[in-house]
Protein backbone atom coordinates (compact mmCIF):
# COMPACT_ATOMS: atom_id res chain seq x y z
CA MET A 1 45.67 21.78 0.23
CA GLU A 2 48.35 21.03 -2.31
CA ILE A 3 47.14 18.95 -5.27
CA TYR A 4 48.63 17.71 -8.51
CA LYS A 5 47.22 16.11 -11.66
CA ILE A 6 47.36 12.35 -12.10
CA LYS A 7 49.11 11.28 -15.26
CA ASP A 8 46.88 9.59 -17.89
CA HIS A 9 43.71 10.29 -15.88
CA GLU A 10 42.06 13.48 -17.02
CA GLY A 11 39.85 15.09 -14.40
CA LEU A 12 41.56 13.43 -11.42
CA VAL A 13 43.88 15.12 -8.95
CA LYS A 14 45.70 13.88 -5.88
CA ASP A 15 46.07 15.65 -2.55
CA LYS A 16 49.76 15.51 -1.58
CA HIS A 17 49.07 15.52 2.16
CA SER A 18 46.26 12.97 2.49
CA GLY A 19 46.87 10.98 -0.68
CA ALA A 20 43.17 11.30 -1.56
CA ILE A 21 42.24 11.08 -5.22
CA LEU A 22 39.63 13.67 -6.13
CA LEU A 23 37.53 14.54 -9.15
CA SER A 24 38.40 17.98 -10.38
CA ASN A 25 35.51 18.09 -12.85
CA HIS A 26 32.15 18.49 -11.07
CA ALA A 27 30.17 17.93 -14.27
CA LYS A 28 31.74 14.47 -14.65
CA ALA A 29 31.02 13.72 -10.99
CA ASN A 30 27.37 14.66 -11.46
CA GLU A 31 27.20 12.61 -14.65
CA TYR A 32 28.60 9.60 -12.78
CA LEU A 33 26.11 10.02 -9.93
CA ASN A 34 23.21 10.35 -12.37
CA LYS A 35 24.27 7.18 -14.22
CA LYS A 36 24.63 5.33 -10.92
CA LYS A 37 21.16 6.44 -9.82
CA ALA A 38 19.67 5.41 -13.18
CA ILE A 39 21.22 1.94 -12.85
CA GLU A 40 19.92 1.57 -9.29
CA ASP A 41 16.46 2.75 -10.37
CA GLY A 42 16.52 0.24 -13.24
CA ARG A 43 17.42 -2.60 -10.89
CA LYS A 44 14.69 -1.59 -8.46
CA MET A 45 12.13 -1.41 -11.27
CA ALA A 46 13.18 -4.83 -12.58
CA SER A 47 12.77 -6.27 -9.09
CA GLU A 48 9.31 -4.74 -8.75
CA ILE A 49 8.32 -6.08 -12.19
CA ASN A 50 9.45 -9.58 -11.18
CA THR A 51 7.40 -9.35 -7.98
CA ILE A 52 4.33 -8.28 -9.96
CA LYS A 53 4.85 -11.14 -12.44
CA GLU A 54 5.10 -13.66 -9.60
CA ARG A 55 1.89 -12.35 -8.05
CA LEU A 56 0.12 -12.43 -11.42
CA ASP A 57 1.23 -16.03 -11.94
CA GLY A 58 -0.19 -16.86 -8.51
CA ILE A 59 -3.49 -15.19 -9.36
CA GLU A 60 -3.71 -17.04 -12.68
CA LYS A 61 -3.01 -20.35 -10.93
CA MET A 62 -5.71 -19.58 -8.37
CA GLN A 63 -8.18 -18.78 -11.18
CA ASP A 64 -7.42 -22.12 -12.83
CA GLU A 65 -7.93 -23.95 -9.55
CA LEU A 66 -11.23 -22.14 -8.92
CA SER A 67 -12.35 -23.06 -12.42
CA ASP A 68 -11.53 -26.71 -11.70
CA ILE A 69 -13.45 -26.55 -8.41
CA LYS A 70 -16.41 -24.98 -10.19
CA SER A 71 -16.40 -27.76 -12.80
CA ILE A 72 -16.31 -30.41 -10.09
CA LEU A 73 -19.16 -28.75 -8.20
CA LEU A 74 -21.25 -28.49 -11.37
CA LYS A 75 -20.67 -32.19 -12.08
CA LEU A 76 -21.61 -33.10 -8.52
CA ALA A 77 -24.74 -30.92 -8.69
CA GLY A 78 -25.64 -32.46 -12.06
CA SER A 79 -25.17 -36.03 -10.86
CA GLY A 80 -27.43 -35.38 -7.86
CA LYS A 81 -30.40 -34.62 -10.16
CA GLU A 82 -30.49 -38.13 -11.54
């Protein structure tokens, strides 16, 4: 494989036969992959947090509705005593 450096792009080389551009610095490649994984993990966590918030909102709404039903039932039970 015959490669040469790419002008103005440190750490990149080009294969003369295939034309492929390759990273010559493995540490930079690993750093890139780690950053990419961290971003993906952050997006996944944000999505999970949003799902949890939506479920919590649903639970809070259900609690409010149950409280309203309880109040109505108590009023109905109280009006039946008279």
